[in-house]
Amino acid sequence: MSLDLTLKPGEEIRFLSKVSGTVRYLVKRTHFSTRELEVVLLIYYKLLKDEADGLHGSHQHITRHQFSAVFDIVFGMSDEVMLGRIYAALDRGVSSYVTMETWATTLSLFLRGTLEEKIRYCFQVYDIQGEGIIRRDHMMLLMRNAAIRHQEEDVGEIVKDLVDIILHRMDVDRDGSISFEDYQQTVRQTPELMECFGQALPDRVRVNAFSKTFLDRGSKY
């Protein structure tokens, strides 16, 4: 049975045949079933197809611009500063394109990720220098961005107070910064603190809506 009625049966079959090896590879690296991965990759293919039709050309990967549109429209995440950090955590490269693997593993993390997977990912988002430590000045930058977005007055004092509170709560070894171990231990005890430096994950309502729209389709066949 067709997974996507907007595609011609022959086109869908050819695509699924082409990515069968990718599906077998990704089913071991994501929380999706084979059928669910086929749906996830079909969405990717449709984004790729739309971009190619619009530019009258052919592309191998979707662009980060398209990925950002998905973050915004589907997951309600549009903060450009945080999206830049999210891309750095998801894909260490500097390419302006997003591969099928990054697409599938990102959706797996967002929709089915374990607490430990999300802890590691969020820490990477906040670890600006990629050195395994969230320093005080990095916290100030992240919190300042959040405060400005909410149009808070007296941003400097608000951010300083927030950073002091978070450091007191999360700096387990009292060295003035937050290591991965500090962050992991604190979030395991208080999961609500996982996104204390800015939204790095979609909220549950958005996740449930996306899952019902797309992934449930894959589980029916």
N, C-alpha and C. Protein backbone atom coordinates (compact mmCIF):
# COMPACT_ATOMS: atom_id res chain seq x y z
N MET A 1 0.84 -1.19 0.00
CA MET A 1 0.00 0.00 0.00
C MET A 1 0.88 1.24 0.00
N SER A 2 0.47 2.25 -0.75
CA SER A 2 1.26 3.47 -0.88
C SER A 2 1.36 4.21 0.46
N LEU A 3 2.58 4.72 0.74
CA LEU A 3 2.79 5.50 1.95
C LEU A 3 2.44 6.97 1.74
N ASP A 4 2.44 7.41 0.48
CA ASP A 4 2.21 8.81 0.17
C ASP A 4 1.41 8.93 -1.11
N LEU A 5 0.16 9.34 -0.98
CA LEU A 5 -0.74 9.39 -2.12
C LEU A 5 -0.42 10.54 -3.07
N THR A 6 0.47 11.46 -2.65
CA THR A 6 0.82 12.56 -3.54
C THR A 6 1.91 12.17 -4.54
N LEU A 7 2.50 11.00 -4.35
CA LEU A 7 3.51 10.51 -5.27
C LEU A 7 2.93 9.41 -6.15
N LYS A 8 3.37 9.34 -7.37
CA LYS A 8 2.95 8.24 -8.24
C LYS A 8 3.53 6.94 -7.69
N PRO A 9 2.75 5.83 -7.77
CA PRO A 9 3.22 4.55 -7.21
C PRO A 9 4.60 4.15 -7.72
N GLY A 10 4.81 4.33 -9.03
CA GLY A 10 6.11 3.96 -9.60
C GLY A 10 7.24 4.79 -9.03
N GLU A 11 6.98 6.08 -8.82
CA GLU A 11 8.00 6.98 -8.27
C GLU A 11 8.33 6.59 -6.84
N GLU A 12 7.31 6.27 -6.06
CA GLU A 12 7.53 5.87 -4.67
C GLU A 12 8.32 4.57 -4.61
N ILE A 13 7.97 3.61 -5.44
CA ILE A 13 8.65 2.31 -5.45
C ILE A 13 10.12 2.48 -5.83
N ARG A 14 10.37 3.31 -6.83
CA ARG A 14 11.76 3.53 -7.26
C ARG A 14 12.57 4.18 -6.14
N PHE A 15 11.96 5.16 -5.46
CA PHE A 15 12.66 5.83 -4.38
C PHE A 15 12.98 4.87 -3.24
N LEU A 16 11.97 4.09 -2.83
CA LEU A 16 12.18 3.15 -1.72
C LEU A 16 13.21 2.09 -2.06
N SER A 17 13.24 1.69 -3.31
CA SER A 17 14.25 0.72 -3.75
C SER A 17 15.65 1.34 -3.67
N LYS A 18 15.73 2.61 -4.06
CA LYS A 18 17.01 3.32 -4.07
C LYS A 18 17.57 3.49 -2.66
N VAL A 19 16.68 3.71 -1.68
CA VAL A 19 17.16 3.99 -0.31
C VAL A 19 17.08 2.77 0.60
N SER A 20 16.84 1.60 0.05
CA SER A 20 16.69 0.40 0.88
C SER A 20 17.94 0.15 1.73
N GLY A 21 19.11 0.36 1.15
CA GLY A 21 20.35 0.18 1.91
C GLY A 21 20.47 1.20 3.03
N THR A 22 20.07 2.45 2.76
CA THR A 22 20.09 3.51 3.77
C THR A 22 19.14 3.18 4.91
N VAL A 23 17.97 2.63 4.57
CA VAL A 23 16.99 2.24 5.59
C VAL A 23 17.57 1.16 6.49
N ARG A 24 18.20 0.15 5.89
CA ARG A 24 18.79 -0.93 6.69
C ARG A 24 19.88 -0.40 7.62
N TYR A 25 20.64 0.57 7.14
CA TYR A 25 21.69 1.18 7.95
C TYR A 25 21.09 1.99 9.10
N LEU A 26 20.06 2.79 8.80
CA LEU A 26 19.50 3.69 9.79
C LEU A 26 18.61 3.00 10.82
N VAL A 27 18.03 1.86 10.46
CA VAL A 27 17.14 1.19 11.41
C VAL A 27 17.93 0.73 12.64
N LYS A 28 19.25 0.57 12.49
CA LYS A 28 20.10 0.19 13.62
C LYS A 28 20.58 1.40 14.42
N ARG A 29 20.37 2.59 13.87
CA ARG A 29 20.90 3.80 14.49
C ARG A 29 19.82 4.78 14.89
N THR A 30 18.57 4.40 14.73
CA THR A 30 17.45 5.25 15.14
C THR A 30 16.46 4.43 15.95
N HIS A 31 15.40 5.09 16.41
CA HIS A 31 14.35 4.41 17.16
C HIS A 31 13.14 4.12 16.27
N PHE A 32 13.32 4.13 14.96
CA PHE A 32 12.23 3.91 14.02
C PHE A 32 12.24 2.48 13.49
N SER A 33 11.05 1.99 13.15
CA SER A 33 10.95 0.72 12.43
C SER A 33 11.30 0.95 10.96
N THR A 34 11.45 -0.12 10.22
CA THR A 34 11.75 0.00 8.79
C THR A 34 10.68 0.81 8.08
N ARG A 35 9.42 0.52 8.36
CA ARG A 35 8.31 1.22 7.69
C ARG A 35 8.30 2.70 8.07
N GLU A 36 8.54 2.99 9.33
CA GLU A 36 8.57 4.38 9.77
C GLU A 36 9.72 5.14 9.10
N LEU A 37 10.86 4.49 8.96
CA LEU A 37 11.99 5.13 8.29
C LEU A 37 11.66 5.42 6.83
N GLU A 38 10.93 4.54 6.19
CA GLU A 38 10.53 4.80 4.80
C GLU A 38 9.68 6.06 4.72
N VAL A 39 8.79 6.25 5.69
CA VAL A 39 7.97 7.48 5.72
C VAL A 39 8.86 8.70 5.95
N VAL A 40 9.77 8.59 6.92
CA VAL A 40 10.68 9.70 7.25
C VAL A 40 11.50 10.10 6.02
N LEU A 41 12.01 9.11 5.29
CA LEU A 41 12.84 9.41 4.12
C LEU A 41 12.01 9.89 2.94
N LEU A 42 10.76 9.47 2.88
CA LEU A 42 9.87 9.99 1.83
C LEU A 42 9.60 11.49 2.04
N ILE A 43 9.47 11.90 3.30
CA ILE A 43 9.30 13.32 3.59
C ILE A 43 10.53 14.08 3.11
N TYR A 44 11.70 13.54 3.41
CA TYR A 44 12.95 14.15 2.96
C TYR A 44 12.96 14.25 1.44
N TYR A 45 12.56 13.18 0.77
CA TYR A 45 12.55 13.16 -0.69
C TYR A 45 11.62 14.22 -1.26
N LYS A 46 10.46 14.42 -0.63
CA LYS A 46 9.51 15.41 -1.11
C LYS A 46 10.07 16.83 -0.93
N LEU A 47 10.77 17.07 0.18
CA LEU A 47 11.42 18.37 0.37
C LEU A 47 12.49 18.59 -0.70
N LEU A 48 13.23 17.54 -0.98
CA LEU A 48 14.28 17.61 -2.00
C LEU A 48 13.69 17.86 -3.37
N LYS A 49 12.60 17.19 -3.65
CA LYS A 49 11.91 17.32 -4.94
C LYS A 49 11.33 18.72 -5.10
N ASP A 50 10.75 19.26 -4.05
CA ASP A 50 10.19 20.62 -4.11
C ASP A 50 11.27 21.65 -4.37
N GLU A 51 12.41 21.49 -3.73
CA GLU A 51 13.52 22.43 -3.92
C GLU A 51 14.05 22.34 -5.35
N ALA A 52 14.18 21.12 -5.87
CA ALA A 52 14.68 20.93 -7.23
C ALA A 52 13.71 21.52 -8.25
N ASP A 53 12.41 21.32 -8.03
CA ASP A 53 11.41 21.88 -8.95
C ASP A 53 11.44 23.40 -8.93
N GLY A 54 11.66 23.97 -7.73
CA GLY A 54 11.67 25.42 -7.63
C GLY A 54 12.88 26.06 -8.29
N LEU A 55 14.00 25.32 -8.29
CA LEU A 55 15.23 25.87 -8.85
C LEU A 55 15.53 25.32 -10.24
N HIS A 56 14.64 24.43 -10.73
CA HIS A 56 14.83 23.81 -12.04
C HIS A 56 16.19 23.12 -12.12
N GLY A 57 16.54 22.44 -11.07
CA GLY A 57 17.81 21.71 -11.05
C GLY A 57 17.69 20.47 -10.20
N SER A 58 18.79 19.79 -9.99
CA SER A 58 18.77 18.58 -9.18
C SER A 58 19.74 18.74 -8.00
N HIS A 59 19.33 18.20 -6.84
CA HIS A 59 20.15 18.29 -5.65
C HIS A 59 20.18 16.94 -4.97
N GLN A 60 21.27 16.65 -4.27
CA GLN A 60 21.42 15.39 -3.57
C GLN A 60 20.92 15.48 -2.12
N HIS A 61 20.92 16.70 -1.58
CA HIS A 61 20.54 16.88 -0.18
C HIS A 61 19.66 18.12 -0.04
N ILE A 62 18.82 18.11 1.01
CA ILE A 62 18.05 19.31 1.29
C ILE A 62 18.98 20.36 1.91
N THR A 63 18.56 21.60 1.86
CA THR A 63 19.39 22.69 2.38
C THR A 63 19.06 22.95 3.86
N ARG A 64 19.97 23.64 4.51
CA ARG A 64 19.71 24.03 5.89
C ARG A 64 18.53 25.00 5.96
N HIS A 65 18.34 25.77 4.90
CA HIS A 65 17.19 26.67 4.85
C HIS A 65 15.89 25.87 4.92
N GLN A 66 15.82 24.77 4.18
CA GLN A 66 14.63 23.92 4.24
C GLN A 66 14.49 23.28 5.62
N PHE A 67 15.61 22.86 6.18
CA PHE A 67 15.59 22.25 7.50
C PHE A 67 15.09 23.26 8.54
N SER A 68 15.53 24.51 8.40
CA SER A 68 15.08 25.56 9.31
C SER A 68 13.58 25.78 9.20
N ALA A 69 13.05 25.66 7.98
CA ALA A 69 11.60 25.81 7.78
C ALA A 69 10.85 24.70 8.51
N VAL A 70 11.40 23.48 8.50
CA VAL A 70 10.78 22.37 9.22
C VAL A 70 10.81 22.65 10.72
N PHE A 71 11.95 23.11 11.22
CA PHE A 71 12.06 23.46 12.64
C PHE A 71 11.00 24.49 13.01
N ASP A 72 10.81 25.48 12.16
CA ASP A 72 9.88 26.57 12.44
C ASP A 72 8.43 26.11 12.34
N ILE A 73 8.06 25.58 11.17
CA ILE A 73 6.65 25.24 10.90
C ILE A 73 6.18 24.03 11.70
N VAL A 74 7.01 22.99 11.76
CA VAL A 74 6.59 21.74 12.41
C VAL A 74 6.85 21.77 13.91
N PHE A 75 8.02 22.27 14.31
CA PHE A 75 8.41 22.18 15.71
C PHE A 75 8.35 23.50 16.47
N GLY A 76 8.01 24.60 15.77
CA GLY A 76 7.88 25.88 16.45
C GLY A 76 9.18 26.42 16.99
N MET A 77 10.29 26.11 16.34
CA MET A 77 11.62 26.55 16.78
C MET A 77 12.20 27.47 15.71
N SER A 78 12.29 28.76 16.00
CA SER A 78 12.70 29.72 14.98
C SER A 78 13.82 30.65 15.40
N ASP A 79 14.33 30.48 16.61
CA ASP A 79 15.40 31.34 17.10
C ASP A 79 16.68 31.03 16.31
N GLU A 80 17.14 31.98 15.52
CA GLU A 80 18.28 31.74 14.64
C GLU A 80 19.57 31.43 15.41
N VAL A 81 19.75 32.06 16.55
CA VAL A 81 20.95 31.81 17.35
C VAL A 81 20.95 30.36 17.83
N MET A 82 19.82 29.91 18.36
CA MET A 82 19.73 28.54 18.85
C MET A 82 19.79 27.53 17.70
N LEU A 83 19.20 27.86 16.57
CA LEU A 83 19.28 26.95 15.42
C LEU A 83 20.72 26.76 14.98
N GLY A 84 21.51 27.83 15.04
CA GLY A 84 22.92 27.71 14.72
C GLY A 84 23.62 26.76 15.66
N ARG A 85 23.31 26.84 16.95
CA ARG A 85 23.89 25.92 17.93
C ARG A 85 23.38 24.50 17.71
N ILE A 86 22.11 24.36 17.35
CA ILE A 86 21.53 23.04 17.10
C ILE A 86 22.22 22.36 15.92
N TYR A 87 22.44 23.12 14.85
CA TYR A 87 23.13 22.55 13.68
C TYR A 87 24.54 22.09 14.07
N ALA A 88 25.21 22.88 14.90
CA ALA A 88 26.56 22.51 15.33
C ALA A 88 26.55 21.20 16.11
N ALA A 89 25.49 20.99 16.89
CA ALA A 89 25.39 19.76 17.68
C ALA A 89 25.01 18.56 16.83
N LEU A 90 24.15 18.79 15.84
CA LEU A 90 23.67 17.69 15.00
C LEU A 90 24.68 17.27 13.94
N ASP A 91 25.38 18.25 13.40
CA ASP A 91 26.30 17.98 12.29
C ASP A 91 27.53 18.87 12.45
N ARG A 92 28.63 18.28 12.84
CA ARG A 92 29.84 19.05 13.12
C ARG A 92 30.42 19.73 11.88
N GLY A 93 29.99 19.32 10.69
CA GLY A 93 30.50 19.92 9.47
C GLY A 93 29.96 21.33 9.25
N VAL A 94 30.48 21.98 8.24
CA VAL A 94 30.07 23.36 7.94
C VAL A 94 29.25 23.41 6.65
N SER A 95 28.81 22.26 6.16
CA SER A 95 28.05 22.21 4.92
C SER A 95 26.72 22.92 5.08
N SER A 96 26.23 23.51 3.99
CA SER A 96 24.93 24.17 4.01
C SER A 96 23.81 23.19 3.67
N TYR A 97 24.16 21.90 3.56
CA TYR A 97 23.18 20.88 3.23
C TYR A 97 23.00 19.91 4.39
N VAL A 98 21.86 19.21 4.38
CA VAL A 98 21.52 18.25 5.43
C VAL A 98 21.33 16.88 4.79
N THR A 99 22.08 15.90 5.23
CA THR A 99 22.01 14.56 4.64
C THR A 99 20.79 13.81 5.16
N MET A 100 20.47 12.71 4.47
CA MET A 100 19.37 11.85 4.91
C MET A 100 19.63 11.30 6.31
N GLU A 101 20.88 10.95 6.58
CA GLU A 101 21.22 10.40 7.89
C GLU A 101 20.98 11.42 8.99
N THR A 102 21.44 12.67 8.78
CA THR A 102 21.21 13.71 9.78
C THR A 102 19.72 13.97 9.96
N TRP A 103 18.98 13.99 8.86
CA TRP A 103 17.53 14.18 8.91
C TRP A 103 16.87 13.10 9.76
N ALA A 104 17.19 11.83 9.48
CA ALA A 104 16.55 10.71 10.17
C ALA A 104 16.96 10.64 11.64
N THR A 105 18.24 10.85 11.93
CA THR A 105 18.69 10.77 13.32
C THR A 105 18.17 11.94 14.15
N THR A 106 17.99 13.09 13.51
CA THR A 106 17.40 14.23 14.22
C THR A 106 15.96 13.95 14.60
N LEU A 107 15.17 13.44 13.65
CA LEU A 107 13.77 13.13 13.96
C LEU A 107 13.68 12.01 14.99
N SER A 108 14.58 11.05 14.92
CA SER A 108 14.60 9.98 15.92
C SER A 108 14.86 10.55 17.31
N LEU A 109 15.81 11.46 17.40
CA LEU A 109 16.13 12.10 18.69
C LEU A 109 14.94 12.90 19.20
N PHE A 110 14.36 13.73 18.33
CA PHE A 110 13.27 14.60 18.74
C PHE A 110 12.01 13.81 19.11
N LEU A 111 11.70 12.77 18.36
CA LEU A 111 10.44 12.06 18.55
C LEU A 111 10.54 10.86 19.49
N ARG A 112 11.69 10.19 19.52
CA ARG A 112 11.81 8.96 20.29
C ARG A 112 13.06 8.90 21.17
N GLY A 113 13.80 9.98 21.24
CA GLY A 113 15.08 9.95 21.95
C GLY A 113 14.94 9.62 23.42
N THR A 114 15.93 8.91 23.96
CA THR A 114 15.96 8.59 25.39
C THR A 114 16.43 9.83 26.16
N LEU A 115 16.25 9.79 27.46
CA LEU A 115 16.71 10.90 28.30
C LEU A 115 18.21 11.10 28.13
N GLU A 116 18.97 10.01 28.12
CA GLU A 116 20.43 10.12 28.01
C GLU A 116 20.84 10.71 26.66
N GLU A 117 20.15 10.33 25.59
CA GLU A 117 20.46 10.90 24.28
C GLU A 117 20.18 12.40 24.26
N LYS A 118 19.08 12.79 24.86
CA LYS A 118 18.72 14.21 24.88
C LYS A 118 19.66 15.02 25.77
N ILE A 119 20.10 14.43 26.87
CA ILE A 119 21.06 15.11 27.75
C ILE A 119 22.36 15.39 26.99
N ARG A 120 22.87 14.38 26.30
CA ARG A 120 24.13 14.55 25.56
C ARG A 120 23.97 15.59 24.44
N TYR A 121 22.84 15.51 23.73
CA TYR A 121 22.59 16.45 22.64
C TYR A 121 22.47 17.89 23.16
N CYS A 122 21.66 18.10 24.19
CA CYS A 122 21.47 19.46 24.71
C CYS A 122 22.78 20.04 25.22
N PHE A 123 23.58 19.22 25.88
CA PHE A 123 24.87 19.71 26.36
C PHE A 123 25.74 20.15 25.18
N GLN A 124 25.72 19.40 24.09
CA GLN A 124 26.49 19.77 22.90
C GLN A 124 25.98 21.09 22.30
N VAL A 125 24.67 21.30 22.36
CA VAL A 125 24.10 22.57 21.88
C VAL A 125 24.66 23.74 22.70
N TYR A 126 24.75 23.57 24.00
CA TYR A 126 25.17 24.66 24.88
C TYR A 126 26.69 24.78 25.01
N ASP A 127 27.42 23.75 24.63
CA ASP A 127 28.89 23.76 24.71
C ASP A 127 29.44 24.50 23.49
N ILE A 128 29.47 25.80 23.57
CA ILE A 128 29.76 26.66 22.42
C ILE A 128 31.12 26.38 21.79
N GLN A 129 32.13 26.13 22.61
CA GLN A 129 33.48 25.89 22.09
C GLN A 129 33.78 24.42 21.83
N GLY A 130 32.83 23.55 22.14
CA GLY A 130 33.04 22.12 21.92
C GLY A 130 34.17 21.55 22.76
N GLU A 131 34.34 22.08 23.97
CA GLU A 131 35.44 21.64 24.82
C GLU A 131 34.98 20.83 26.03
N GLY A 132 33.69 20.46 26.04
CA GLY A 132 33.19 19.65 27.13
C GLY A 132 32.88 20.42 28.39
N ILE A 133 32.80 21.75 28.28
CA ILE A 133 32.52 22.61 29.43
C ILE A 133 31.63 23.78 28.98
N ILE A 134 30.63 24.09 29.79
CA ILE A 134 29.84 25.30 29.56
C ILE A 134 30.36 26.35 30.53
N ARG A 135 31.09 27.31 29.99
CA ARG A 135 31.70 28.34 30.83
C ARG A 135 30.70 29.44 31.17
N ARG A 136 31.02 30.21 32.18
CA ARG A 136 30.11 31.26 32.64
C ARG A 136 29.81 32.27 31.53
N ASP A 137 30.83 32.66 30.74
CA ASP A 137 30.58 33.64 29.68
C ASP A 137 29.69 33.07 28.60
N HIS A 138 29.76 31.74 28.37
CA HIS A 138 28.87 31.09 27.41
C HIS A 138 27.44 31.09 27.94
N MET A 139 27.30 30.84 29.22
CA MET A 139 25.96 30.88 29.84
C MET A 139 25.36 32.27 29.69
N MET A 140 26.18 33.28 29.88
CA MET A 140 25.71 34.65 29.75
C MET A 140 25.20 34.92 28.34
N LEU A 141 25.95 34.45 27.34
CA LEU A 141 25.53 34.65 25.95
C LEU A 141 24.21 33.96 25.67
N LEU A 142 24.10 32.70 26.09
CA LEU A 142 22.88 31.92 25.83
C LEU A 142 21.68 32.52 26.55
N MET A 143 21.85 32.88 27.81
CA MET A 143 20.75 33.43 28.59
C MET A 143 20.37 34.82 28.11
N ARG A 144 21.37 35.59 27.67
CA ARG A 144 21.09 36.94 27.17
C ARG A 144 20.21 36.86 25.91
N ASN A 145 20.51 35.90 25.05
CA ASN A 145 19.70 35.71 23.85
C ASN A 145 18.26 35.40 24.22
N ALA A 146 18.07 34.52 25.21
CA ALA A 146 16.72 34.16 25.64
C ALA A 146 15.99 35.36 26.24
N ALA A 147 16.70 36.15 27.04
CA ALA A 147 16.08 37.31 27.70
C ALA A 147 15.68 38.37 26.67
N ILE A 148 16.55 38.59 25.67
CA ILE A 148 16.25 39.57 24.64
C ILE A 148 15.03 39.14 23.84
N ARG A 149 14.93 37.84 23.55
CA ARG A 149 13.79 37.33 22.79
C ARG A 149 12.48 37.56 23.53
N HIS A 150 12.54 37.51 24.86
CA HIS A 150 11.33 37.73 25.67
C HIS A 150 11.16 39.20 26.05
N GLN A 151 12.01 40.06 25.46
CA GLN A 151 11.90 41.51 25.64
C GLN A 151 11.93 41.91 27.11
N GLU A 152 12.81 41.22 27.83
CA GLU A 152 12.96 41.56 29.25
C GLU A 152 13.74 42.88 29.39
N GLU A 153 13.36 43.69 30.36
CA GLU A 153 14.11 44.90 30.65
C GLU A 153 15.27 44.56 31.60
N ASP A 154 16.24 45.44 31.64
CA ASP A 154 17.41 45.22 32.51
C ASP A 154 18.03 43.85 32.25
N VAL A 155 18.28 43.57 30.96
CA VAL A 155 18.76 42.26 30.54
C VAL A 155 20.01 41.85 31.30
N GLY A 156 20.96 42.76 31.43
CA GLY A 156 22.23 42.42 32.07
C GLY A 156 22.06 41.87 33.46
N GLU A 157 21.27 42.55 34.30
CA GLU A 157 21.08 42.11 35.68
C GLU A 157 20.28 40.81 35.75
N ILE A 158 19.27 40.70 34.89
CA ILE A 158 18.44 39.48 34.86
C ILE A 158 19.29 38.28 34.50
N VAL A 159 20.12 38.43 33.46
CA VAL A 159 20.97 37.33 33.00
C VAL A 159 21.97 36.94 34.08
N LYS A 160 22.59 37.93 34.70
CA LYS A 160 23.56 37.64 35.76
C LYS A 160 22.92 36.86 36.89
N ASP A 161 21.72 37.26 37.29
CA ASP A 161 21.02 36.57 38.38
C ASP A 161 20.67 35.14 37.98
N LEU A 162 20.20 34.97 36.75
CA LEU A 162 19.84 33.63 36.27
C LEU A 162 21.05 32.72 36.22
N VAL A 163 22.15 33.24 35.71
CA VAL A 163 23.38 32.44 35.63
C VAL A 163 23.86 32.05 37.02
N ASP A 164 23.79 32.97 37.96
CA ASP A 164 24.19 32.66 39.34
C ASP A 164 23.34 31.53 39.91
N ILE A 165 22.04 31.59 39.65
CA ILE A 165 21.12 30.56 40.16
C ILE A 165 21.43 29.20 39.53
N ILE A 166 21.61 29.19 38.21
CA ILE A 166 21.87 27.94 37.50
C ILE A 166 23.21 27.35 37.91
N LEU A 167 24.24 28.21 38.02
CA LEU A 167 25.55 27.72 38.45
C LEU A 167 25.48 27.09 39.85
N HIS A 168 24.76 27.75 40.74
CA HIS A 168 24.61 27.21 42.10
C HIS A 168 23.93 25.84 42.07
N ARG A 169 22.99 25.68 41.13
CA ARG A 169 22.24 24.42 41.05
C ARG A 169 22.99 23.32 40.29
N MET A 170 23.75 23.69 39.25
CA MET A 170 24.31 22.68 38.36
C MET A 170 25.81 22.47 38.51
N ASP A 171 26.52 23.42 39.06
CA ASP A 171 27.98 23.28 39.20
C ASP A 171 28.28 22.40 40.40
N VAL A 172 28.18 21.10 40.19
CA VAL A 172 28.30 20.14 41.29
C VAL A 172 29.67 20.20 41.96
N ASP A 173 30.73 20.31 41.16
CA ASP A 173 32.08 20.30 41.75
C ASP A 173 32.59 21.69 42.11
N ARG A 174 31.75 22.72 41.94
CA ARG A 174 32.04 24.10 42.35
C ARG A 174 33.35 24.64 41.75
N ASP A 175 33.53 24.42 40.45
CA ASP A 175 34.73 24.96 39.79
C ASP A 175 34.43 26.17 38.92
N GLY A 176 33.18 26.67 38.98
CA GLY A 176 32.82 27.88 38.24
C GLY A 176 32.34 27.64 36.83
N SER A 177 32.23 26.39 36.42
CA SER A 177 31.71 26.05 35.09
C SER A 177 30.91 24.76 35.20
N ILE A 178 30.23 24.40 34.12
CA ILE A 178 29.40 23.19 34.13
C ILE A 178 30.00 22.17 33.17
N SER A 179 30.51 21.09 33.72
CA SER A 179 31.03 20.00 32.90
C SER A 179 29.86 19.11 32.47
N PHE A 180 30.15 18.18 31.55
CA PHE A 180 29.09 17.27 31.14
C PHE A 180 28.59 16.47 32.33
N GLU A 181 29.50 16.05 33.19
CA GLU A 181 29.11 15.26 34.37
C GLU A 181 28.21 16.07 35.29
N ASP A 182 28.53 17.37 35.48
CA ASP A 182 27.66 18.25 36.28
C ASP A 182 26.26 18.31 35.68
N TYR A 183 26.24 18.57 34.39
CA TYR A 183 24.97 18.74 33.68
C TYR A 183 24.16 17.44 33.71
N GLN A 184 24.81 16.35 33.39
CA GLN A 184 24.14 15.04 33.36
C GLN A 184 23.54 14.69 34.72
N GLN A 185 24.32 14.85 35.78
CA GLN A 185 23.86 14.51 37.13
C GLN A 185 22.66 15.36 37.53
N THR A 186 22.73 16.66 37.23
CA THR A 186 21.65 17.56 37.60
C THR A 186 20.37 17.26 36.83
N VAL A 187 20.49 17.04 35.52
CA VAL A 187 19.30 16.81 34.70
C VAL A 187 18.67 15.46 35.00
N ARG A 188 19.48 14.47 35.33
CA ARG A 188 18.91 13.18 35.74
C ARG A 188 18.03 13.36 36.97
N GLN A 189 18.45 14.23 37.88
CA GLN A 189 17.68 14.47 39.10
C GLN A 189 16.50 15.39 38.85
N THR A 190 16.72 16.39 37.96
CA THR A 190 15.67 17.38 37.66
C THR A 190 15.59 17.59 36.16
N PRO A 191 14.85 16.74 35.43
CA PRO A 191 14.78 16.83 33.96
C PRO A 191 14.32 18.18 33.44
N GLU A 192 13.57 18.92 34.27
CA GLU A 192 13.07 20.23 33.85
C GLU A 192 14.20 21.22 33.55
N LEU A 193 15.40 20.94 34.03
CA LEU A 193 16.53 21.83 33.81
C LEU A 193 17.29 21.53 32.52
N MET A 194 16.85 20.53 31.77
CA MET A 194 17.59 20.13 30.58
C MET A 194 17.76 21.27 29.59
N GLU A 195 16.73 22.11 29.40
CA GLU A 195 16.81 23.20 28.44
C GLU A 195 16.91 24.56 29.14
N CYS A 196 17.68 24.59 30.20
CA CYS A 196 17.79 25.83 30.99
C CYS A 196 18.48 26.96 30.24
N PHE A 197 19.25 26.66 29.19
CA PHE A 197 19.95 27.70 28.44
C PHE A 197 19.30 28.02 27.10
N GLY A 198 18.08 27.56 26.87
CA GLY A 198 17.39 27.84 25.62
C GLY A 198 16.78 26.60 25.01
N GLN A 199 15.74 26.78 24.21
CA GLN A 199 15.03 25.65 23.62
C GLN A 199 15.88 24.92 22.59
N ALA A 200 16.17 23.67 22.88
CA ALA A 200 16.94 22.82 21.97
C ALA A 200 16.12 21.65 21.44
N LEU A 201 14.94 21.45 22.03
CA LEU A 201 14.06 20.34 21.65
C LEU A 201 12.64 20.87 21.45
N PRO A 202 11.87 20.24 20.56
CA PRO A 202 10.47 20.65 20.39
C PRO A 202 9.64 20.25 21.60
N ASP A 203 8.55 20.98 21.86
CA ASP A 203 7.70 20.62 22.99
C ASP A 203 6.87 19.38 22.67
N ARG A 204 6.30 18.79 23.69
CA ARG A 204 5.60 17.51 23.56
C ARG A 204 4.39 17.60 22.64
N VAL A 205 3.68 18.73 22.68
CA VAL A 205 2.51 18.89 21.82
C VAL A 205 2.91 18.82 20.35
N ARG A 206 4.00 19.50 19.99
CA ARG A 206 4.48 19.48 18.60
C ARG A 206 4.95 18.08 18.21
N VAL A 207 5.63 17.42 19.12
CA VAL A 207 6.12 16.07 18.85
C VAL A 207 4.95 15.12 18.59
N ASN A 208 3.94 15.18 19.44
CA ASN A 208 2.79 14.30 19.27
C ASN A 208 2.05 14.57 17.97
N ALA A 209 1.91 15.85 17.62
CA ALA A 209 1.21 16.20 16.39
C ALA A 209 1.96 15.67 15.17
N PHE A 210 3.27 15.84 15.16
CA PHE A 210 4.08 15.36 14.03
C PHE A 210 4.00 13.85 13.92
N SER A 211 4.10 13.17 15.05
CA SER A 211 4.06 11.71 15.06
C SER A 211 2.74 11.18 14.50
N LYS A 212 1.64 11.79 14.91
CA LYS A 212 0.33 11.32 14.44
C LYS A 212 0.15 11.58 12.95
N THR A 213 0.68 12.69 12.47
CA THR A 213 0.51 13.05 11.06
C THR A 213 1.31 12.16 10.14
N PHE A 214 2.54 11.83 10.54
CA PHE A 214 3.44 11.13 9.64
C PHE A 214 3.78 9.70 10.06
N LEU A 215 4.25 9.53 11.29
CA LEU A 215 4.78 8.23 11.67
C LEU A 215 3.70 7.18 11.87
N ASP A 216 2.51 7.55 12.32
CA ASP A 216 1.44 6.59 12.48
C ASP A 216 1.08 5.95 11.14
N ARG A 217 1.30 6.69 10.08
CA ARG A 217 1.03 6.16 8.75
C ARG A 217 1.89 4.95 8.45
N GLY A 218 3.14 5.00 8.94
CA GLY A 218 4.05 3.91 8.68
C GLY A 218 3.74 2.68 9.50
N SER A 219 3.11 2.85 10.66
CA SER A 219 2.82 1.70 11.51
C SER A 219 1.57 0.97 11.11
N LYS A 220 0.78 1.54 10.18
CA LYS A 220 -0.48 0.90 9.80
C LYS A 220 -0.30 -0.15 8.72
N TYR A 221 0.84 -0.11 8.01
CA TYR A 221 0.99 -0.98 6.85
C TYR A 221 2.03 -2.04 7.11
